Each structure stands twice: as structure tokens, then as C-alpha cells.
């Protein structure tokens, strides 16, 4: 299973992060900053957490009755036997779905977190394992760190086919934000853990998820400094985050359209609503001895997205919906006539 980013803050200007392990951080920025590990470093983090020693814990029953798996650094647990319960309650209090049963939370001191995640780190996530600082640091609350990293776990647990949700964000949020079209234009950089990490929608979703939870809990919002300001959520984005968490997209829906072409007809067009970005497909079943052309067109731009001609009476086309909220399916008669069926699958 893919693993995901470390959450990093620039504690001091002198604490420069090594370029080989973390994204570049501008030490002069006034806002709290975060960097992200390379894929190889993420895999190492996942391996370290899977073999972590010096932690006490396991499944904890939160105050709402849910089970949350929490491990606490032995030293912290000895000093405060209630710490595991407190963090289980915090996790259960986040907006969540069934993915809560698959995450393992590790609560540790700052040095232990940095030993696991890398110098300057406040927390990291990989392979359904999340480690976070136990106490606030550098003006950032431990709960904010946990919430951001849990946002990655939410994304990792959602489907946004044909794109990886952990890089593009889950389906509804990704559509509302326009990740596909903005990535295609070069504005956004899904999965970029280098110099364009502030334009990585995967990180933006984790931050929007944090804002959603902070607002719902009525606590002060953490300073917006992780990703580009253009990602700061409006209400539509926050509503999409909530839906992606509590009512995830589970796959495309299909419908059949029945029609016909007369011997004198030239063709017909059928507008199909596409409220979500993703893979759109249509199959045409035409009469024997007919020759129909199948086309997909963006009605807003008149651009042809895909087409297929030839003598086959069964034709299938596929295209990615990438910002279009309507796709027109066109059937044109070249030869023959009679009834036909379109089977449409939309994200």
C-alpha cells in the first residue's frame, strides 16, 4: 500500500532540511512550514513504525465506544497512564469513517518522532501507521499534526480512480477544487514532494481536512502555511471533504439509453451529466449490417474527446472527465438504420 508524507516544521532557520531527504523549505517564511519525504524515505518510515519498540498500547475503547489502536512511548505512558485514552478520544472525535479501524496511532516525544520521521519532523504517516508528537511544538498543536496526518489516512483509504487519491485527494473534493484540469494545465503538482510541494493537492486535502475538524470542534485554526494560499478552503471545499469522509465515492454508475436512426437520419446527440471527474465510458450496440460512428464531445468547447468508426456493431469509447460537467454522446449514421442502445458509465 502506498505510503505518505511526513509533516515537518522549520523550527529554526539553522535547522536546514537535507535536500536528499526532504523537500526544500524557505527558512525566511513567517508562517509555519512543512516538508515532505521522498518515496524511499516514506517507505523507510513505514518500516520503522512496523518494527517500533519502546511503545505501550493497542486497541483502546474511545469514549464514544469506538476502538482506536494507540501506542504511546513508554516514557510518556509511565508519566501519564491516561495518555492513550486521551489520544483515542481525540482520534475518535475527528470526522471519520470506517478507515479508523485500520490506522495505528503512535504518540511520541519530539526526539522520538524525529528519529522515526527525520530531522525537523513533527509527525509522519505511512502504511496505515501514523506517528505524532505528544505535545505542542513551535506554535503548532499536536492535535493539528495528528489531524493533518489522519487526513492522509483518509485519502489513502478512498478511491479516486483513475487517479491516486493520496496524491489528488478523494473524488468529491478533487472535483470541487478542479485538480484534474488544474494539474493538466501545470498549475498543480499532484504527488510532487520536491520544490512544488506547496502545490501538491494531496497535501492540500490533508490541510482542508484539518480546517474542517478545527471548525467543527470550535478550536482556533492553525496558521495556513503548509500549502499555497489558493488551496485555502471555501465552504464548498469543506462540504466536499466531509462527504468524502462520511459518504465515500464507491465507483461509477451506469445507465442505458435506447434510441434509433431512420434510413434518412444523420445522427443523434445525448447530453450526459457528469458531476464528478473520473473515467467516462460508453458502449454502443447498433443493428446488424449498420455502420454507426460513436463520438464523445465536450459541449462547452465543441472539442472531440474520443471517437470510433468502422463496421463493428459494438463499439466502446472511454475518456476522462476533467472539469466537464456535461459530456455529449453522439451517434452518427454512415450506413444502415434501426434501433440502438447506449450503455453509459459515469464517475
Foldseek 3Di string as FASTA:
>chain_A
DQKWWFWFWDLALVQFFDQQFWAGDDRPDPATETITGDRVLRVQLVVCVVVPPQWDWAWDQAPVRDTAAEIERNVVCVVPVCLRRVVVNLVVLALADPLRVQAHEYEYAPVVQCVRRHPRTQKGITDRYIYGYSADDPQGGRSLSVQLRVLLSLQCPADQPPDRCLQQNAWQLSLVLLSQVCVVVVNADGPDRYHQQLRGNNSLSSLLSSVLSCVVVVHDRGDPHYHDPVSPDDVSSNVSSSCCRHPNDDFWDKDKDKDKADQPGFKDKDKDFASIWYKKKKKKQADQPWWKKKWKAQVVVRDTFDIDTDRDRIDMDMGTDRNRRIIMIMIGGPDDITMMMMMIIHD
